[in-house]
Amino acid sequence: MFFFNLFSYWIDPIIIVCFLPISLVIYYLNFIYFLLLFGKLILILTNLIHQPKEGIFQRSSKDKDFLFYLLRRNLKSFVLRIFNYFPLPWAKILALKLFNIKIPYKTGVLDSFIDSDFIEIGNNTILGEGSIIMSSMVLGDFLLIKKVILKDGCTIGAFSVIAPGTIVEEGVILGMGSFTKINQRLEKGFIHFGRPAKKWKKNGDNFILTKK
């Protein structure tokens, strides 16, 4: 309406209506840009007040680590939820990088959930649809935060769950619907699947499923 009223004094309304879709795109891009800018500024301010840390923390309003964890998580979740509707695939990766997640543009994130802190993802890694990468987990009255590392060339199957502290080495394939245990290490070059994930043997270019 602002666009229409501003230019209706000089331009024919029919012509304005033709340019209305372009104006909507411009306003949407401006909204996305300022959302990301202010989100990043708030995150910087939050980290200056209280730096994120790994460890086990009390799930209590008296614990500053827990309170600031909630603040950072909610802020990032809000911004990333907006970016999920952006039509370009690199938009979500841009938002993750600005929010201190180590992730290259060669990563395929699809429709996956990536936690808010302490996650490092290597080149040419693919995260399947519905996969969940967690660096934090609530266990009873405690909050666990532990760094997750996905090295180069990994493939995380659809609807799989990566638990806090997991290290996925180069070339690992995690099967669909699998999940890892806390602090689990998936060995380089092997297929892993199961609940929890277990290693299976690889034979040359063909995979022979032989339980180890």
Protein backbone atom coordinates (compact mmCIF):
# COMPACT_ATOMS: atom_id res chain seq x y z
CA MET A 1 0.00 0.00 0.00
CA PHE A 2 2.87 2.35 0.73
CA PHE A 3 4.35 1.65 -2.70
CA PHE A 4 0.99 2.21 -4.40
CA ASN A 5 0.19 5.47 -2.60
CA LEU A 6 3.68 6.89 -3.07
CA PHE A 7 3.75 6.57 -6.86
CA SER A 8 0.06 6.97 -7.70
CA TYR A 9 0.49 10.76 -7.90
CA TRP A 10 2.89 10.54 -10.87
CA ILE A 11 2.30 7.13 -12.47
CA ASP A 12 -0.83 5.51 -13.84
CA PRO A 13 -2.27 3.02 -11.25
CA ILE A 14 -2.39 0.22 -13.84
CA ILE A 15 1.37 0.52 -14.39
CA ILE A 16 1.93 0.55 -10.63
CA VAL A 17 -0.04 -2.69 -10.25
CA CYS A 18 2.23 -4.31 -12.86
CA PHE A 19 5.28 -3.44 -10.75
CA LEU A 20 3.65 -4.47 -7.48
CA PRO A 21 5.13 -8.04 -7.47
CA ILE A 22 8.63 -6.57 -7.84
CA SER A 23 8.01 -4.22 -4.93
CA LEU A 24 6.83 -7.14 -2.78
CA VAL A 25 10.05 -9.02 -3.52
CA ILE A 26 12.13 -5.94 -2.64
CA TYR A 27 10.31 -5.45 0.67
CA TYR A 28 10.71 -9.15 1.47
CA LEU A 29 14.46 -9.01 0.77
CA ASN A 30 14.79 -5.92 2.95
CA PHE A 31 12.95 -7.70 5.76
CA ILE A 32 15.25 -10.73 5.46
CA TYR A 33 18.38 -8.56 5.41
CA PHE A 34 17.47 -6.49 8.47
CA LEU A 35 16.26 -9.58 10.32
CA LEU A 36 19.66 -11.20 9.79
CA LEU A 37 21.52 -7.98 10.66
CA PHE A 38 19.70 -7.34 13.93
CA GLY A 39 19.78 -11.03 14.84
CA LYS A 40 23.57 -11.05 14.40
CA LEU A 41 23.94 -7.86 16.49
CA ILE A 42 21.85 -9.32 19.31
CA LEU A 43 23.90 -12.54 19.18
CA ILE A 44 27.18 -10.60 19.39
CA LEU A 45 25.85 -8.65 22.38
CA THR A 46 24.68 -11.87 24.05
CA ASN A 47 28.08 -13.54 23.55
CA LEU A 48 29.87 -10.48 24.95
CA ILE A 49 27.78 -10.74 28.10
CA HIS A 50 28.13 -14.52 28.43
CA GLN A 51 30.18 -16.77 26.13
CA PRO A 52 28.69 -20.17 25.16
CA LYS A 53 30.41 -23.13 26.80
CA GLU A 54 30.46 -26.91 26.50
CA GLY A 55 29.62 -29.02 29.51
CA ILE A 56 26.80 -30.17 31.75
CA PHE A 57 24.65 -27.45 33.29
CA GLN A 58 21.75 -27.30 35.69
CA ARG A 59 18.42 -26.80 33.97
CA SER A 60 17.41 -23.94 36.21
CA SER A 61 16.63 -20.22 35.91
CA LYS A 62 19.50 -19.63 38.36
CA ASP A 63 22.05 -21.10 35.94
CA LYS A 64 23.34 -18.38 33.58
CA ASP A 65 24.67 -20.94 31.10
CA PHE A 66 21.20 -22.43 30.72
CA LEU A 67 19.45 -19.05 30.42
CA PHE A 68 21.83 -17.71 27.77
CA TYR A 69 21.64 -21.03 25.93
CA LEU A 70 17.86 -20.59 25.69
CA LEU A 71 18.27 -17.01 24.49
CA ARG A 72 20.72 -17.95 21.72
CA ARG A 73 18.70 -20.99 20.69
CA ASN A 74 15.40 -19.11 20.44
CA LEU A 75 17.01 -16.25 18.52
CA LYS A 76 18.63 -18.56 15.97
CA SER A 77 15.54 -20.75 15.65
CA PHE A 78 13.38 -17.72 14.86
CA VAL A 79 15.74 -16.38 12.18
CA LEU A 80 16.39 -19.79 10.60
CA ARG A 81 12.68 -20.56 10.48
CA ILE A 82 12.19 -17.44 8.36
CA PHE A 83 15.15 -18.36 6.13
CA ASN A 84 13.69 -21.81 5.48
CA TYR A 85 11.08 -20.11 3.27
CA PHE A 86 13.72 -18.34 1.18
CA PRO A 87 13.75 -19.82 -2.36
CA LEU A 88 17.56 -19.96 -2.75
CA PRO A 89 19.29 -22.99 -1.14
CA TRP A 90 22.36 -21.05 0.07
CA ALA A 91 20.26 -18.68 2.19
CA LYS A 92 19.99 -21.08 5.14
CA ILE A 93 23.74 -21.77 5.00
CA LEU A 94 24.43 -18.01 5.02
CA ALA A 95 22.31 -17.62 8.14
CA LEU A 96 24.05 -20.57 9.84
CA LYS A 97 27.50 -19.16 9.05
CA LEU A 98 26.61 -15.76 10.48
CA PHE A 99 25.37 -17.52 13.61
CA ASN A 100 28.80 -19.09 14.22
CA ILE A 101 28.11 -22.54 12.77
CA LYS A 102 31.13 -23.80 10.77
CA ILE A 103 29.50 -24.91 7.54
CA PRO A 104 30.74 -24.49 3.92
CA TYR A 105 28.50 -23.53 1.01
CA LYS A 106 29.14 -26.98 -0.53
CA THR A 107 26.98 -28.59 2.15
CA GLY A 108 23.53 -29.90 1.24
CA VAL A 109 21.28 -29.12 4.20
CA LEU A 110 17.89 -29.86 2.56
CA ASP A 111 15.14 -29.83 5.22
CA SER A 112 17.35 -30.66 8.21
CA PHE A 113 17.52 -29.25 11.74
CA ILE A 114 20.91 -27.97 12.89
CA ASP A 115 21.46 -26.97 16.51
CA SER A 116 22.53 -23.49 17.61
CA ASP A 117 26.14 -23.90 18.83
CA PHE A 118 29.29 -26.05 18.64
CA ILE A 119 28.71 -27.70 15.27
CA GLU A 120 31.39 -28.10 12.60
CA ILE A 121 30.49 -29.46 9.16
CA GLY A 122 33.02 -30.32 6.45
CA ASN A 123 32.96 -29.93 2.67
CA ASN A 124 30.65 -31.97 0.42
CA THR A 125 28.58 -33.20 3.34
CA ILE A 126 24.93 -34.03 2.70
CA LEU A 127 22.26 -33.88 5.41
CA GLY A 128 19.17 -35.85 4.46
CA GLU A 129 15.62 -34.60 4.73
CA GLY A 130 14.40 -34.48 8.32
CA SER A 131 17.83 -35.23 9.80
CA ILE A 132 18.67 -33.66 13.17
CA ILE A 133 22.13 -32.49 14.24
CA MET A 134 22.14 -31.88 18.00
CA SER A 135 24.98 -30.40 20.02
CA SER A 136 22.72 -29.99 23.05
CA MET A 137 20.33 -32.27 24.86
CA VAL A 138 18.20 -32.01 27.99
CA LEU A 139 18.69 -35.01 30.28
CA GLY A 140 16.35 -34.80 33.24
CA ASP A 141 17.35 -31.74 35.26
CA PHE A 142 20.55 -31.17 33.30
CA LEU A 143 21.55 -29.65 29.98
CA LEU A 144 24.36 -31.34 28.03
CA ILE A 145 26.28 -29.30 25.44
CA LYS A 146 29.01 -31.06 23.46
CA LYS A 147 30.60 -30.23 20.10
CA VAL A 148 29.57 -32.22 17.01
CA ILE A 149 31.96 -32.66 14.07
CA LEU A 150 30.92 -33.91 10.63
CA LYS A 151 34.04 -34.24 8.48
CA ASP A 152 34.37 -34.02 4.68
CA GLY A 153 32.23 -36.17 2.39
CA CYS A 154 29.76 -37.47 4.98
CA THR A 155 26.19 -38.43 4.18
CA ILE A 156 23.59 -38.33 6.95
CA GLY A 157 20.48 -40.26 5.98
CA ALA A 158 16.95 -38.92 6.10
CA PHE A 159 15.36 -38.72 9.56
CA SER A 160 18.62 -39.66 11.28
CA VAL A 161 19.67 -38.09 14.58
CA ILE A 162 23.21 -37.05 15.52
CA ALA A 163 23.65 -36.89 19.31
CA PRO A 164 25.88 -34.37 21.15
CA GLY A 165 29.60 -35.15 21.07
CA THR A 166 29.39 -37.29 17.92
CA ILE A 167 32.36 -37.25 15.53
CA VAL A 168 31.59 -38.45 12.00
CA GLU A 169 34.83 -39.12 10.09
CA GLU A 170 35.47 -38.67 6.36
CA GLY A 171 33.29 -40.55 3.89
CA VAL A 172 30.92 -42.02 6.47
CA ILE A 173 27.37 -42.89 5.46
CA LEU A 174 24.75 -42.97 8.23
CA GLY A 175 21.67 -44.91 7.19
CA MET A 176 18.16 -43.52 7.10
CA GLY A 177 16.36 -43.41 10.45
CA SER A 178 19.50 -44.16 12.48
CA PHE A 179 20.78 -42.32 15.53
CA THR A 180 24.10 -42.07 17.31
CA LYS A 181 24.95 -42.27 20.99
CA ILE A 182 26.44 -39.39 22.96
CA ASN A 183 30.20 -39.06 22.23
CA GLN A 184 30.06 -41.79 19.56
CA ARG A 185 32.70 -41.84 16.82
CA LEU A 186 31.76 -43.18 13.37
CA GLU A 187 34.78 -44.73 11.68
CA LYS A 188 36.07 -43.37 8.38
CA GLY A 189 34.83 -44.95 5.14
CA PHE A 190 32.17 -47.22 6.64
CA ILE A 191 28.41 -47.41 6.46
CA HIS A 192 26.76 -47.10 9.86
CA PHE A 193 23.14 -47.68 10.64
CA GLY A 194 20.90 -48.80 13.45
CA ARG A 195 19.47 -47.50 16.71
CA PRO A 196 22.07 -46.85 17.98
CA ALA A 197 24.27 -46.82 14.87
CA LYS A 198 26.65 -49.72 14.34
CA LYS A 199 29.48 -50.18 11.85
CA TRP A 200 29.13 -52.37 8.77
CA LYS A 201 31.87 -53.55 6.42
CA LYS A 202 32.72 -51.89 3.10
CA ASN A 203 34.25 -53.92 0.28
CA GLY A 204 35.76 -51.81 -2.54
CA ASP A 205 33.10 -49.89 -4.44
CA ASN A 206 30.41 -52.35 -3.30
CA PHE A 207 29.07 -52.45 0.21
CA ILE A 208 28.70 -55.85 1.86
CA LEU A 209 26.55 -55.70 4.97
CA THR A 210 28.53 -57.71 7.46
CA LYS A 211 28.04 -56.88 11.09
CA LYS A 212 31.27 -55.95 12.86
